[in-house]
Amino acid sequence: VIKAVDEGYRLPPPMECPATLYQLMLDCWQKDRNNRPKFEQIVSILDKLIRNPSSLKITASTTS
């Protein structure tokens, strides 16, 4: 598992996971901690998603 993650493997999106939420997950899983969003950025992104629920309608593809 450690080797796969170290080589860039990331879990596929959960079924019916909104694409914007999955992208946030991927951002948080960046190998380089400097490329990960800060807590304040995560809160801001989640707040925007809550305020604009239509952005959650597009689901992430499990085949990408």
N, C-alpha and C. Protein backbone atom coordinates (compact mmCIF):
# COMPACT_ATOMS: atom_id res chain seq x y z
N VAL A 1 0.83 -1.19 0.00
CA VAL A 1 0.00 0.00 0.00
C VAL A 1 0.87 1.25 0.00
N ILE A 2 1.87 1.28 0.85
CA ILE A 2 2.75 2.45 0.95
C ILE A 2 3.44 2.71 -0.39
N LYS A 3 3.91 1.64 -1.03
CA LYS A 3 4.59 1.79 -2.32
C LYS A 3 3.64 2.35 -3.37
N ALA A 4 2.43 1.81 -3.41
CA ALA A 4 1.45 2.27 -4.40
C ALA A 4 1.12 3.75 -4.20
N VAL A 5 0.90 4.15 -2.96
CA VAL A 5 0.60 5.56 -2.67
C VAL A 5 1.81 6.43 -3.00
N ASP A 6 2.99 5.94 -2.67
CA ASP A 6 4.22 6.68 -2.96
C ASP A 6 4.41 6.87 -4.46
N GLU A 7 3.91 5.91 -5.25
CA GLU A 7 4.01 5.99 -6.71
C GLU A 7 2.86 6.77 -7.34
N GLY A 8 2.00 7.33 -6.50
CA GLY A 8 0.93 8.19 -7.01
C GLY A 8 -0.46 7.59 -7.04
N TYR A 9 -0.61 6.33 -6.62
CA TYR A 9 -1.95 5.73 -6.63
C TYR A 9 -2.84 6.45 -5.63
N ARG A 10 -4.06 6.73 -6.03
CA ARG A 10 -5.06 7.29 -5.15
C ARG A 10 -6.34 6.49 -5.32
N LEU A 11 -7.10 6.38 -4.25
CA LEU A 11 -8.35 5.64 -4.31
C LEU A 11 -9.27 6.26 -5.36
N PRO A 12 -10.04 5.42 -6.04
CA PRO A 12 -11.02 5.97 -6.98
C PRO A 12 -12.13 6.66 -6.19
N PRO A 13 -12.92 7.47 -6.88
CA PRO A 13 -14.00 8.16 -6.16
C PRO A 13 -15.05 7.16 -5.67
N PRO A 14 -15.62 7.42 -4.50
CA PRO A 14 -16.74 6.59 -4.05
C PRO A 14 -17.90 6.71 -5.03
N MET A 15 -18.76 5.72 -5.05
CA MET A 15 -19.92 5.74 -5.95
C MET A 15 -20.72 7.01 -5.72
N GLU A 16 -21.09 7.66 -6.81
CA GLU A 16 -21.92 8.86 -6.81
C GLU A 16 -21.29 10.03 -6.05
N CYS A 17 -19.98 10.01 -5.91
CA CYS A 17 -19.27 11.11 -5.26
C CYS A 17 -19.22 12.31 -6.20
N PRO A 18 -19.63 13.48 -5.74
CA PRO A 18 -19.54 14.67 -6.59
C PRO A 18 -18.09 14.93 -7.03
N ALA A 19 -17.93 15.31 -8.28
CA ALA A 19 -16.59 15.54 -8.83
C ALA A 19 -15.82 16.60 -8.05
N THR A 20 -16.52 17.66 -7.64
CA THR A 20 -15.84 18.73 -6.90
C THR A 20 -15.35 18.24 -5.54
N LEU A 21 -16.11 17.37 -4.91
CA LEU A 21 -15.69 16.83 -3.62
C LEU A 21 -14.53 15.86 -3.80
N TYR A 22 -14.57 15.05 -4.85
CA TYR A 22 -13.46 14.13 -5.11
C TYR A 22 -12.18 14.90 -5.43
N GLN A 23 -12.31 16.00 -6.16
CA GLN A 23 -11.13 16.82 -6.45
C GLN A 23 -10.53 17.37 -5.16
N LEU A 24 -11.38 17.76 -4.23
CA LEU A 24 -10.88 18.23 -2.94
C LEU A 24 -10.14 17.10 -2.22
N MET A 25 -10.68 15.90 -2.29
CA MET A 25 -10.01 14.75 -1.68
C MET A 25 -8.63 14.55 -2.30
N LEU A 26 -8.56 14.60 -3.63
CA LEU A 26 -7.27 14.44 -4.31
C LEU A 26 -6.30 15.54 -3.92
N ASP A 27 -6.81 16.76 -3.81
CA ASP A 27 -5.95 17.87 -3.40
C ASP A 27 -5.38 17.63 -2.00
N CYS A 28 -6.20 17.10 -1.12
CA CYS A 28 -5.75 16.83 0.25
C CYS A 28 -4.75 15.67 0.31
N TRP A 29 -4.77 14.81 -0.71
CA TRP A 29 -3.86 13.66 -0.75
C TRP A 29 -2.57 13.94 -1.51
N GLN A 30 -2.31 15.17 -1.88
CA GLN A 30 -1.07 15.51 -2.58
C GLN A 30 0.13 15.02 -1.78
N LYS A 31 1.08 14.43 -2.47
CA LYS A 31 2.27 13.90 -1.80
C LYS A 31 3.05 15.01 -1.10
N ASP A 32 3.23 16.12 -1.78
CA ASP A 32 3.95 17.26 -1.21
C ASP A 32 2.98 18.07 -0.36
N ARG A 33 3.23 18.11 0.94
CA ARG A 33 2.32 18.80 1.85
C ARG A 33 2.14 20.27 1.50
N ASN A 34 3.12 20.86 0.84
CA ASN A 34 3.00 22.26 0.44
C ASN A 34 1.96 22.47 -0.66
N ASN A 35 1.61 21.40 -1.36
CA ASN A 35 0.60 21.48 -2.42
C ASN A 35 -0.80 21.17 -1.91
N ARG A 36 -0.91 20.76 -0.66
CA ARG A 36 -2.22 20.45 -0.07
C ARG A 36 -2.90 21.75 0.37
N PRO A 37 -4.23 21.77 0.28
CA PRO A 37 -4.93 22.98 0.73
C PRO A 37 -4.80 23.15 2.24
N LYS A 38 -4.75 24.40 2.66
CA LYS A 38 -4.74 24.71 4.09
C LYS A 38 -6.16 24.50 4.62
N PHE A 39 -6.27 24.35 5.94
CA PHE A 39 -7.57 24.11 6.54
C PHE A 39 -8.57 25.20 6.16
N GLU A 40 -8.13 26.44 6.17
CA GLU A 40 -9.02 27.55 5.82
C GLU A 40 -9.52 27.42 4.38
N GLN A 41 -8.67 26.93 3.49
CA GLN A 41 -9.08 26.73 2.10
C GLN A 41 -10.11 25.61 2.00
N ILE A 42 -9.91 24.55 2.76
CA ILE A 42 -10.86 23.44 2.76
C ILE A 42 -12.22 23.92 3.24
N VAL A 43 -12.23 24.68 4.34
CA VAL A 43 -13.48 25.22 4.87
C VAL A 43 -14.17 26.10 3.83
N SER A 44 -13.41 26.93 3.15
CA SER A 44 -13.96 27.82 2.14
C SER A 44 -14.57 27.03 0.98
N ILE A 45 -13.86 26.01 0.52
CA ILE A 45 -14.36 25.17 -0.58
C ILE A 45 -15.64 24.47 -0.16
N LEU A 46 -15.65 23.88 1.02
CA LEU A 46 -16.84 23.18 1.50
C LEU A 46 -18.01 24.14 1.68
N ASP A 47 -17.72 25.34 2.17
CA ASP A 47 -18.77 26.35 2.34
C ASP A 47 -19.39 26.70 0.98
N LYS A 48 -18.56 26.86 -0.04
CA LYS A 48 -19.06 27.17 -1.38
C LYS A 48 -19.92 26.02 -1.92
N LEU A 49 -19.50 24.79 -1.64
CA LEU A 49 -20.27 23.64 -2.10
C LEU A 49 -21.63 23.58 -1.41
N ILE A 50 -21.64 23.90 -0.13
CA ILE A 50 -22.91 23.89 0.62
C ILE A 50 -23.84 24.99 0.10
N ARG A 51 -23.26 26.14 -0.21
CA ARG A 51 -24.07 27.28 -0.68
C ARG A 51 -24.53 27.11 -2.13
N ASN A 52 -23.87 26.25 -2.87
CA ASN A 52 -24.22 26.01 -4.28
C ASN A 52 -24.35 24.51 -4.52
N PRO A 53 -25.40 23.90 -3.98
CA PRO A 53 -25.54 22.45 -4.08
C PRO A 53 -25.62 21.92 -5.51
N SER A 54 -25.96 22.77 -6.47
CA SER A 54 -26.02 22.29 -7.86
C SER A 54 -24.65 21.86 -8.35
N SER A 55 -23.59 22.41 -7.74
CA SER A 55 -22.23 22.01 -8.14
C SER A 55 -21.90 20.58 -7.70
N LEU A 56 -22.74 20.03 -6.86
CA LEU A 56 -22.52 18.66 -6.38
C LEU A 56 -23.22 17.62 -7.25
N LYS A 57 -23.91 18.06 -8.29
CA LYS A 57 -24.68 17.12 -9.11
C LYS A 57 -23.83 16.32 -10.08
N ILE A 58 -22.68 16.85 -10.47
CA ILE A 58 -21.81 16.13 -11.41
C ILE A 58 -20.95 15.17 -10.60
N THR A 59 -21.09 13.89 -10.89
CA THR A 59 -20.33 12.90 -10.13
C THR A 59 -19.00 12.60 -10.80
N ALA A 60 -18.05 12.21 -9.96
CA ALA A 60 -16.72 11.83 -10.45
C ALA A 60 -16.82 10.48 -11.14
N SER A 61 -16.09 10.32 -12.21
CA SER A 61 -16.08 9.06 -12.95
C SER A 61 -15.21 8.05 -12.23
N THR A 62 -15.69 6.83 -12.13
CA THR A 62 -14.90 5.77 -11.50
C THR A 62 -13.96 5.13 -12.50
N THR A 63 -14.03 5.54 -13.76
CA THR A 63 -13.18 4.93 -14.78
C THR A 63 -11.98 5.79 -15.13
N SER A 64 -11.85 6.97 -14.52
CA SER A 64 -10.73 7.85 -14.87
C SER A 64 -9.49 7.56 -14.09
